N, C-alpha and C. Protein backbone atom coordinates (compact mmCIF):
# COMPACT_ATOMS: atom_id res chain seq x y z
N MET A 1 113.20 112.10 89.37
CA MET A 1 112.26 111.00 89.36
C MET A 1 111.27 111.14 90.53
N TYR A 2 111.79 111.47 91.72
CA TYR A 2 110.90 111.62 92.87
C TYR A 2 109.84 112.68 92.59
N PHE A 3 110.30 113.82 92.04
CA PHE A 3 109.36 114.90 91.80
C PHE A 3 108.25 114.47 90.86
N SER A 4 108.62 113.82 89.74
CA SER A 4 107.60 113.46 88.78
C SER A 4 106.66 112.39 89.34
N LYS A 5 107.19 111.43 90.09
CA LYS A 5 106.33 110.41 90.71
C LYS A 5 105.40 111.07 91.74
N HIS A 6 105.98 111.95 92.58
CA HIS A 6 105.20 112.65 93.60
C HIS A 6 104.14 113.52 92.92
N PHE A 7 104.53 114.23 91.89
CA PHE A 7 103.61 115.12 91.19
C PHE A 7 102.47 114.33 90.57
N SER A 8 102.80 113.19 89.95
CA SER A 8 101.73 112.41 89.30
C SER A 8 100.75 111.86 90.33
N HIS A 9 101.24 111.42 91.50
CA HIS A 9 100.32 110.95 92.55
C HIS A 9 99.43 112.08 93.01
N SER A 10 100.02 113.25 93.21
CA SER A 10 99.24 114.41 93.65
C SER A 10 98.23 114.82 92.58
N LEU A 11 98.68 114.79 91.32
CA LEU A 11 97.80 115.17 90.23
C LEU A 11 96.61 114.21 90.15
N TYR A 12 96.87 112.90 90.23
CA TYR A 12 95.78 111.92 90.18
C TYR A 12 94.83 112.10 91.36
N PHE A 13 95.39 112.37 92.53
CA PHE A 13 94.58 112.59 93.72
C PHE A 13 93.61 113.76 93.50
N PHE A 14 94.13 114.87 92.97
CA PHE A 14 93.29 116.03 92.78
C PHE A 14 92.35 115.88 91.59
N ILE A 15 92.74 115.17 90.57
CA ILE A 15 91.81 114.90 89.49
C ILE A 15 90.63 114.11 90.04
N PHE A 16 90.93 113.12 90.90
CA PHE A 16 89.87 112.33 91.53
C PHE A 16 88.96 113.23 92.37
N ILE A 17 89.58 114.07 93.18
CA ILE A 17 88.80 114.93 94.06
C ILE A 17 87.93 115.88 93.25
N LEU A 18 88.51 116.52 92.26
CA LEU A 18 87.77 117.53 91.52
C LEU A 18 86.72 116.93 90.58
N SER A 19 86.91 115.67 90.20
CA SER A 19 85.91 115.04 89.35
C SER A 19 84.92 114.21 90.15
N SER A 20 85.12 114.16 91.44
CA SER A 20 84.30 113.34 92.31
C SER A 20 82.89 113.92 92.46
N PRO A 21 81.87 113.05 92.41
CA PRO A 21 80.52 113.55 92.65
C PRO A 21 80.32 113.98 94.09
N GLN A 22 81.26 113.64 94.98
CA GLN A 22 81.12 114.02 96.37
C GLN A 22 81.66 115.43 96.65
N LEU A 23 82.13 116.13 95.62
CA LEU A 23 82.60 117.49 95.82
C LEU A 23 81.44 118.33 96.31
N ILE A 24 81.66 119.07 97.37
CA ILE A 24 80.59 119.85 97.98
C ILE A 24 80.93 121.33 97.83
N LEU A 25 80.01 122.09 97.27
CA LEU A 25 80.16 123.53 97.22
C LEU A 25 79.17 124.12 98.21
N CYS A 26 79.68 124.72 99.25
CA CYS A 26 78.83 125.28 100.28
C CYS A 26 78.43 126.70 99.90
N ASP A 27 77.26 127.14 100.34
CA ASP A 27 76.76 128.44 99.94
C ASP A 27 77.57 129.60 100.49
N SER A 28 78.39 129.38 101.47
CA SER A 28 79.19 130.47 102.02
C SER A 28 80.49 130.67 101.26
N GLY A 29 80.65 129.98 100.13
CA GLY A 29 81.84 130.15 99.34
C GLY A 29 82.97 129.23 99.73
N THR A 30 82.72 128.25 100.56
CA THR A 30 83.76 127.31 100.93
C THR A 30 83.62 126.04 100.10
N ILE A 31 84.71 125.31 100.00
CA ILE A 31 84.70 124.06 99.25
C ILE A 31 85.07 122.93 100.20
N GLY A 32 84.33 121.83 100.10
CA GLY A 32 84.61 120.68 100.94
C GLY A 32 84.62 119.41 100.12
N ILE A 33 85.25 118.38 100.67
CA ILE A 33 85.32 117.08 99.99
C ILE A 33 85.07 115.96 100.98
N ASN A 34 84.77 114.79 100.44
CA ASN A 34 84.78 113.55 101.22
C ASN A 34 86.17 112.96 101.06
N TYR A 35 86.79 112.61 102.17
CA TYR A 35 88.14 112.05 102.15
C TYR A 35 88.04 110.57 102.51
N GLY A 36 87.94 109.74 101.50
CA GLY A 36 87.93 108.30 101.70
C GLY A 36 89.34 107.76 101.56
N ARG A 37 89.62 106.69 102.28
CA ARG A 37 90.99 106.16 102.27
C ARG A 37 91.04 104.69 101.87
N VAL A 38 90.04 104.22 101.15
CA VAL A 38 90.05 102.83 100.70
C VAL A 38 90.56 102.84 99.26
N ALA A 39 91.88 102.80 99.11
CA ALA A 39 92.52 102.81 97.80
C ALA A 39 94.00 102.47 97.98
N ASP A 40 94.68 102.30 96.89
CA ASP A 40 96.12 102.01 96.92
C ASP A 40 96.91 103.29 96.65
N ASN A 41 98.12 103.33 97.20
CA ASN A 41 99.09 104.40 96.90
C ASN A 41 98.58 105.80 97.19
N LEU A 42 97.82 105.96 98.25
CA LEU A 42 97.34 107.29 98.62
C LEU A 42 98.46 108.06 99.32
N PRO A 43 98.46 109.37 99.20
CA PRO A 43 99.42 110.16 99.96
C PRO A 43 99.15 110.00 101.46
N SER A 44 100.16 110.24 102.27
CA SER A 44 99.99 110.15 103.72
C SER A 44 99.02 111.24 104.18
N PRO A 45 98.36 111.04 105.34
CA PRO A 45 97.43 112.07 105.83
C PRO A 45 98.06 113.47 105.94
N PRO A 46 99.31 113.61 106.45
CA PRO A 46 99.87 114.97 106.48
C PRO A 46 100.03 115.57 105.08
N LYS A 47 100.37 114.74 104.10
CA LYS A 47 100.51 115.23 102.73
C LYS A 47 99.14 115.62 102.17
N VAL A 48 98.11 114.84 102.49
CA VAL A 48 96.76 115.16 102.03
C VAL A 48 96.34 116.52 102.59
N VAL A 49 96.59 116.74 103.87
CA VAL A 49 96.23 118.02 104.48
C VAL A 49 96.95 119.16 103.76
N GLN A 50 98.22 118.97 103.48
CA GLN A 50 99.01 119.98 102.76
C GLN A 50 98.40 120.25 101.37
N LEU A 51 98.03 119.20 100.67
CA LEU A 51 97.44 119.35 99.33
C LEU A 51 96.07 120.04 99.40
N LEU A 52 95.27 119.67 100.39
CA LEU A 52 93.95 120.29 100.54
C LEU A 52 94.07 121.78 100.84
N LYS A 53 94.97 122.12 101.74
CA LYS A 53 95.18 123.53 102.08
C LYS A 53 95.64 124.31 100.86
N ALA A 54 96.53 123.72 100.06
CA ALA A 54 97.04 124.38 98.86
C ALA A 54 95.92 124.64 97.84
N GLN A 55 94.88 123.82 97.88
CA GLN A 55 93.76 123.98 96.96
C GLN A 55 92.61 124.81 97.55
N GLY A 56 92.77 125.28 98.77
CA GLY A 56 91.75 126.11 99.40
C GLY A 56 90.57 125.34 99.95
N ILE A 57 90.73 124.03 100.15
CA ILE A 57 89.66 123.21 100.72
C ILE A 57 89.55 123.54 102.20
N THR A 58 88.33 123.83 102.67
CA THR A 58 88.16 124.24 104.07
C THR A 58 87.26 123.32 104.87
N LYS A 59 86.63 122.34 104.21
CA LYS A 59 85.75 121.41 104.91
C LYS A 59 85.98 120.01 104.36
N VAL A 60 86.08 119.04 105.26
CA VAL A 60 86.34 117.65 104.87
C VAL A 60 85.45 116.72 105.67
N LYS A 61 84.89 115.73 104.98
CA LYS A 61 84.14 114.68 105.65
C LYS A 61 85.00 113.42 105.67
N LEU A 62 85.18 112.87 106.86
CA LEU A 62 85.91 111.61 107.05
C LEU A 62 84.90 110.51 107.34
N TYR A 63 85.22 109.30 106.96
CA TYR A 63 84.31 108.17 107.17
C TYR A 63 84.58 107.42 108.46
N ASP A 64 85.49 107.94 109.28
CA ASP A 64 85.81 107.32 110.56
C ASP A 64 86.49 108.36 111.43
N THR A 65 87.20 107.90 112.46
CA THR A 65 87.95 108.81 113.34
C THR A 65 89.37 108.28 113.52
N ASP A 66 90.01 107.92 112.42
CA ASP A 66 91.37 107.41 112.45
C ASP A 66 92.30 108.43 113.11
N SER A 67 93.05 108.00 114.11
CA SER A 67 93.89 108.92 114.89
C SER A 67 94.97 109.58 114.04
N THR A 68 95.54 108.87 113.08
CA THR A 68 96.58 109.45 112.22
C THR A 68 96.00 110.59 111.39
N VAL A 69 94.80 110.38 110.88
CA VAL A 69 94.16 111.40 110.05
C VAL A 69 93.75 112.60 110.90
N LEU A 70 93.11 112.35 112.05
CA LEU A 70 92.70 113.46 112.91
C LEU A 70 93.90 114.27 113.39
N SER A 71 94.98 113.60 113.71
CA SER A 71 96.20 114.31 114.13
C SER A 71 96.77 115.14 112.98
N ALA A 72 96.69 114.63 111.77
CA ALA A 72 97.21 115.37 110.61
C ALA A 72 96.45 116.67 110.40
N PHE A 73 95.15 116.69 110.71
CA PHE A 73 94.35 117.89 110.53
C PHE A 73 94.50 118.89 111.68
N SER A 74 95.19 118.51 112.74
CA SER A 74 95.39 119.39 113.89
C SER A 74 96.10 120.68 113.44
N GLY A 75 95.50 121.81 113.78
CA GLY A 75 96.09 123.10 113.46
C GLY A 75 95.97 123.50 112.00
N SER A 76 95.27 122.73 111.20
CA SER A 76 95.17 123.01 109.76
C SER A 76 94.17 124.10 109.42
N GLY A 77 93.19 124.33 110.31
CA GLY A 77 92.13 125.27 110.01
C GLY A 77 91.03 124.67 109.15
N ILE A 78 91.14 123.40 108.81
CA ILE A 78 90.12 122.71 108.02
C ILE A 78 89.09 122.11 108.97
N SER A 79 87.81 122.40 108.73
CA SER A 79 86.73 121.88 109.56
C SER A 79 86.36 120.47 109.12
N LEU A 80 86.12 119.60 110.11
CA LEU A 80 85.86 118.20 109.81
C LEU A 80 84.47 117.75 110.22
N THR A 81 83.95 116.86 109.40
CA THR A 81 82.82 116.02 109.77
C THR A 81 83.42 114.63 109.92
N VAL A 82 83.26 114.03 111.09
CA VAL A 82 83.78 112.67 111.32
C VAL A 82 82.60 111.72 111.47
N ALA A 83 82.86 110.44 111.29
CA ALA A 83 81.76 109.48 111.31
C ALA A 83 81.91 108.43 112.40
N LEU A 84 80.77 108.09 112.96
CA LEU A 84 80.63 106.91 113.78
C LEU A 84 80.09 105.86 112.80
N PRO A 85 80.90 104.86 112.44
CA PRO A 85 80.53 103.92 111.37
C PRO A 85 79.30 103.06 111.69
N ASN A 86 78.66 102.57 110.64
CA ASN A 86 77.46 101.73 110.77
C ASN A 86 77.67 100.55 111.71
N GLN A 87 78.84 99.93 111.67
CA GLN A 87 79.07 98.75 112.50
C GLN A 87 79.10 99.06 113.99
N GLN A 88 79.11 100.34 114.36
CA GLN A 88 79.09 100.73 115.77
C GLN A 88 77.71 101.25 116.20
N LEU A 89 76.77 101.29 115.28
CA LEU A 89 75.45 101.85 115.61
C LEU A 89 74.73 101.11 116.72
N SER A 90 74.73 99.78 116.67
CA SER A 90 73.97 99.04 117.70
C SER A 90 74.55 99.29 119.08
N SER A 91 75.87 99.35 119.20
CA SER A 91 76.51 99.63 120.50
C SER A 91 76.20 101.05 120.95
N ALA A 92 76.26 101.99 120.01
CA ALA A 92 75.97 103.39 120.34
C ALA A 92 74.51 103.58 120.73
N ALA A 93 73.62 102.83 120.10
CA ALA A 93 72.20 102.93 120.42
C ALA A 93 71.88 102.30 121.78
N ALA A 94 72.61 101.27 122.14
CA ALA A 94 72.31 100.51 123.35
C ALA A 94 72.81 101.19 124.62
N SER A 95 73.81 102.07 124.50
CA SER A 95 74.44 102.55 125.73
C SER A 95 75.06 103.93 125.57
N GLN A 96 74.61 104.85 126.41
CA GLN A 96 75.27 106.16 126.42
C GLN A 96 76.68 106.02 126.96
N SER A 97 76.92 105.03 127.79
CA SER A 97 78.27 104.78 128.27
C SER A 97 79.21 104.52 127.09
N TYR A 98 78.70 103.78 126.10
CA TYR A 98 79.50 103.51 124.90
C TYR A 98 79.82 104.82 124.17
N THR A 99 78.79 105.67 123.98
CA THR A 99 79.06 106.93 123.26
C THR A 99 79.90 107.89 124.10
N ASP A 100 79.76 107.84 125.43
CA ASP A 100 80.65 108.65 126.28
C ASP A 100 82.11 108.29 126.01
N THR A 101 82.39 107.01 126.01
CA THR A 101 83.76 106.55 125.77
C THR A 101 84.21 106.89 124.35
N TRP A 102 83.31 106.70 123.37
CA TRP A 102 83.64 107.01 121.99
C TRP A 102 83.95 108.49 121.82
N ILE A 103 83.14 109.35 122.43
CA ILE A 103 83.36 110.80 122.35
C ILE A 103 84.69 111.17 123.02
N GLN A 104 84.96 110.60 124.18
CA GLN A 104 86.22 110.90 124.86
C GLN A 104 87.42 110.50 124.00
N SER A 105 87.38 109.31 123.43
CA SER A 105 88.53 108.78 122.67
C SER A 105 88.67 109.38 121.29
N ASN A 106 87.56 109.65 120.63
CA ASN A 106 87.61 110.01 119.21
C ASN A 106 87.33 111.48 118.91
N ILE A 107 86.85 112.21 119.90
CA ILE A 107 86.53 113.62 119.67
C ILE A 107 87.30 114.52 120.63
N LEU A 108 87.07 114.34 121.93
CA LEU A 108 87.66 115.24 122.91
C LEU A 108 89.19 115.23 122.89
N THR A 109 89.77 114.08 122.59
CA THR A 109 91.23 113.96 122.53
C THR A 109 91.84 114.93 121.53
N TYR A 110 91.10 115.29 120.49
CA TYR A 110 91.66 116.10 119.40
C TYR A 110 91.27 117.57 119.46
N LEU A 111 90.28 117.89 120.29
CA LEU A 111 89.84 119.28 120.40
C LEU A 111 90.81 120.07 121.26
N PRO A 112 90.99 121.33 121.08
CA PRO A 112 90.39 122.20 120.08
C PRO A 112 91.25 122.35 118.81
N LYS A 113 92.45 121.77 118.79
CA LYS A 113 93.33 121.99 117.63
C LYS A 113 92.80 121.39 116.34
N THR A 114 92.10 120.26 116.45
CA THR A 114 91.45 119.68 115.28
C THR A 114 90.00 120.18 115.30
N LEU A 115 89.59 120.81 114.22
CA LEU A 115 88.27 121.45 114.16
C LEU A 115 87.20 120.45 113.75
N ILE A 116 86.66 119.77 114.74
CA ILE A 116 85.58 118.81 114.49
C ILE A 116 84.27 119.56 114.69
N GLU A 117 83.52 119.73 113.60
CA GLU A 117 82.28 120.51 113.71
C GLU A 117 81.03 119.66 113.59
N THR A 118 81.15 118.42 113.09
CA THR A 118 79.97 117.58 112.93
C THR A 118 80.34 116.11 113.12
N ILE A 119 79.43 115.35 113.72
CA ILE A 119 79.56 113.89 113.79
C ILE A 119 78.44 113.30 112.94
N ALA A 120 78.83 112.54 111.94
CA ALA A 120 77.88 111.83 111.10
C ALA A 120 77.67 110.45 111.72
N VAL A 121 76.48 110.20 112.22
CA VAL A 121 76.16 108.93 112.86
C VAL A 121 75.70 107.98 111.76
N GLY A 122 76.50 106.98 111.48
CA GLY A 122 76.20 106.05 110.40
C GLY A 122 76.41 106.68 109.04
N ASN A 123 76.21 105.88 108.02
CA ASN A 123 76.33 106.35 106.64
C ASN A 123 75.30 105.62 105.79
N GLU A 124 74.35 106.37 105.28
CA GLU A 124 73.28 105.81 104.46
C GLU A 124 72.65 104.58 105.13
N VAL A 125 72.27 104.76 106.37
CA VAL A 125 71.77 103.69 107.23
C VAL A 125 70.53 103.01 106.66
N PHE A 126 69.66 103.76 106.00
CA PHE A 126 68.40 103.18 105.52
C PHE A 126 68.61 102.18 104.39
N VAL A 127 69.80 102.14 103.80
CA VAL A 127 70.10 101.17 102.75
C VAL A 127 70.12 99.75 103.33
N ASP A 128 70.53 99.63 104.59
CA ASP A 128 70.56 98.34 105.29
C ASP A 128 69.51 98.37 106.40
N PRO A 129 68.35 97.76 106.16
CA PRO A 129 67.27 97.82 107.15
C PRO A 129 67.65 97.28 108.52
N ASN A 130 68.69 96.46 108.62
CA ASN A 130 69.12 95.94 109.92
C ASN A 130 69.67 97.05 110.81
N ASN A 131 70.20 98.12 110.22
CA ASN A 131 70.76 99.23 111.00
C ASN A 131 69.74 100.31 111.34
N THR A 132 68.66 100.37 110.59
CA THR A 132 67.69 101.46 110.72
C THR A 132 67.19 101.67 112.16
N PRO A 133 66.83 100.62 112.91
CA PRO A 133 66.30 100.86 114.26
C PRO A 133 67.32 101.48 115.22
N TYR A 134 68.59 101.41 114.89
CA TYR A 134 69.63 101.92 115.79
C TYR A 134 69.94 103.39 115.58
N LEU A 135 69.54 103.94 114.43
CA LEU A 135 69.99 105.28 114.07
C LEU A 135 69.57 106.35 115.08
N VAL A 136 68.29 106.51 115.33
CA VAL A 136 67.84 107.60 116.20
C VAL A 136 68.35 107.41 117.63
N PRO A 137 68.27 106.21 118.23
CA PRO A 137 68.83 106.06 119.57
C PRO A 137 70.34 106.35 119.63
N ALA A 138 71.07 105.95 118.59
CA ALA A 138 72.51 106.24 118.56
C ALA A 138 72.75 107.74 118.47
N MET A 139 71.98 108.43 117.64
CA MET A 139 72.13 109.89 117.52
C MET A 139 71.81 110.57 118.85
N LYS A 140 70.76 110.10 119.54
CA LYS A 140 70.40 110.68 120.84
C LYS A 140 71.52 110.48 121.85
N ASN A 141 72.12 109.29 121.86
CA ASN A 141 73.20 109.01 122.81
C ASN A 141 74.46 109.82 122.48
N VAL A 142 74.77 109.98 121.20
CA VAL A 142 75.92 110.80 120.82
C VAL A 142 75.68 112.24 121.28
N TYR A 143 74.49 112.75 121.02
CA TYR A 143 74.18 114.12 121.44
C TYR A 143 74.24 114.26 122.97
N ALA A 144 73.70 113.29 123.68
CA ALA A 144 73.74 113.34 125.15
C ALA A 144 75.19 113.33 125.65
N SER A 145 76.04 112.57 124.99
CA SER A 145 77.47 112.54 125.39
C SER A 145 78.14 113.88 125.09
N LEU A 146 77.84 114.46 123.94
CA LEU A 146 78.40 115.78 123.62
C LEU A 146 77.94 116.81 124.65
N THR A 147 76.67 116.73 125.05
CA THR A 147 76.14 117.63 126.07
C THR A 147 76.85 117.42 127.40
N LYS A 148 77.02 116.17 127.78
CA LYS A 148 77.69 115.82 129.04
C LYS A 148 79.08 116.45 129.12
N TYR A 149 79.79 116.48 127.99
CA TYR A 149 81.15 117.00 127.98
C TYR A 149 81.23 118.46 127.55
N GLY A 150 80.08 119.12 127.41
CA GLY A 150 80.04 120.55 127.17
C GLY A 150 80.42 121.00 125.76
N VAL A 151 80.28 120.12 124.78
CA VAL A 151 80.65 120.50 123.41
C VAL A 151 79.47 120.41 122.43
N ALA A 152 78.27 120.17 122.94
CA ALA A 152 77.10 120.02 122.06
C ALA A 152 76.77 121.32 121.31
N SER A 153 77.15 122.45 121.87
CA SER A 153 76.84 123.71 121.18
C SER A 153 77.79 123.97 120.00
N SER A 154 78.91 123.27 119.96
CA SER A 154 79.87 123.50 118.87
C SER A 154 80.02 122.32 117.91
N ILE A 155 79.43 121.17 118.24
CA ILE A 155 79.52 120.00 117.37
C ILE A 155 78.11 119.52 117.06
N LYS A 156 77.78 119.49 115.77
CA LYS A 156 76.45 119.06 115.33
C LYS A 156 76.42 117.54 115.17
N VAL A 157 75.23 116.98 115.24
CA VAL A 157 75.02 115.55 115.02
C VAL A 157 74.09 115.39 113.82
N THR A 158 74.49 114.56 112.88
CA THR A 158 73.71 114.36 111.67
C THR A 158 73.84 112.91 111.21
N SER A 159 73.19 112.57 110.12
CA SER A 159 73.35 111.26 109.50
C SER A 159 73.15 111.39 108.00
N PRO A 160 74.14 111.00 107.21
CA PRO A 160 73.98 111.05 105.76
C PRO A 160 72.96 110.01 105.30
N VAL A 161 72.08 110.40 104.40
CA VAL A 161 71.09 109.47 103.87
C VAL A 161 71.24 109.40 102.35
N ALA A 162 70.97 108.24 101.80
CA ALA A 162 70.98 108.06 100.35
C ALA A 162 69.74 108.72 99.77
N LEU A 163 69.86 109.29 98.59
CA LEU A 163 68.71 109.95 97.97
C LEU A 163 67.59 108.96 97.68
N GLY A 164 67.91 107.68 97.61
CA GLY A 164 66.91 106.66 97.35
C GLY A 164 65.85 106.54 98.44
N VAL A 165 66.05 107.13 99.60
CA VAL A 165 65.06 107.06 100.67
C VAL A 165 63.99 108.14 100.54
N LEU A 166 64.17 109.01 99.57
CA LEU A 166 63.21 110.10 99.40
C LEU A 166 62.07 109.71 98.46
N GLN A 167 60.87 110.00 98.88
CA GLN A 167 59.69 109.83 98.04
C GLN A 167 59.65 110.97 97.03
N THR A 168 59.87 112.18 97.53
CA THR A 168 59.87 113.39 96.72
C THR A 168 61.12 114.19 97.07
N SER A 169 61.83 114.66 96.06
CA SER A 169 63.03 115.45 96.34
C SER A 169 62.98 116.84 95.71
N TYR A 170 62.00 117.08 94.84
CA TYR A 170 61.95 118.38 94.19
C TYR A 170 60.53 118.91 94.16
N PRO A 171 60.37 120.14 94.45
CA PRO A 171 61.37 121.06 94.98
C PRO A 171 61.74 120.69 96.42
N PRO A 172 62.92 121.08 96.86
CA PRO A 172 63.36 120.70 98.20
C PRO A 172 62.36 121.02 99.31
N SER A 173 61.62 122.08 99.15
CA SER A 173 60.63 122.45 100.18
C SER A 173 59.49 121.44 100.26
N SER A 174 59.35 120.60 99.26
CA SER A 174 58.31 119.56 99.26
C SER A 174 58.89 118.18 99.51
N GLY A 175 60.16 118.12 99.89
CA GLY A 175 60.82 116.84 100.10
C GLY A 175 60.13 115.99 101.15
N SER A 176 60.12 114.67 100.90
CA SER A 176 59.54 113.75 101.88
C SER A 176 60.21 112.38 101.75
N PHE A 177 60.20 111.64 102.87
CA PHE A 177 60.75 110.29 102.89
C PHE A 177 59.72 109.29 102.37
N LYS A 178 60.21 108.15 101.91
CA LYS A 178 59.31 107.07 101.49
C LYS A 178 58.45 106.68 102.67
N SER A 179 57.19 106.35 102.40
CA SER A 179 56.23 106.08 103.47
C SER A 179 56.63 104.90 104.36
N ASP A 180 57.35 103.90 103.81
CA ASP A 180 57.72 102.74 104.64
C ASP A 180 58.84 103.08 105.64
N LEU A 181 59.45 104.25 105.51
CA LEU A 181 60.49 104.67 106.45
C LEU A 181 59.98 105.59 107.55
N ILE A 182 58.75 106.02 107.41
CA ILE A 182 58.18 106.97 108.36
C ILE A 182 57.44 106.21 109.46
N GLU A 183 57.83 106.51 110.69
CA GLU A 183 57.14 105.92 111.84
C GLU A 183 55.97 106.81 112.21
N PRO A 184 54.89 106.22 112.75
CA PRO A 184 53.75 107.05 113.17
C PRO A 184 54.15 107.99 114.31
């Protein structure tokens, strides 16, 4: 009974992952996924890492910096993108001291065994105009904190944007943002 229950949970998890529009195929031949944890009956983070490794997944995007999840990825060889959530943008934008503390607690604590390669500052920030003014200052402070602690050369700073903010998306070389989002 345990095996079949365990197998069915794992099977559903992977069906979700493989059918997910968030599946990322990188040009270097690696496969990555978004690992969201807002659901019922999910496998534990260590079990998820085991399942991901068994499927050859080498890159994962997390929507936060949960310590249980980051610890589970320690020594896994899976590269992570972690997020500074939207609700922390105003604090991160207002103070490099805030991002210094955030970097110390949520990034440096796990390096080098946990492979954190990117910090996603916010998530689709332009969808909520109240967060938009905080994005660039927060990104600058995160980068300054990474520089202060000597890890800016190995950890990138980015921000996921919704495709709805694009005026033109094709061809990619002609891509542009909507005019109301562009500052002079």
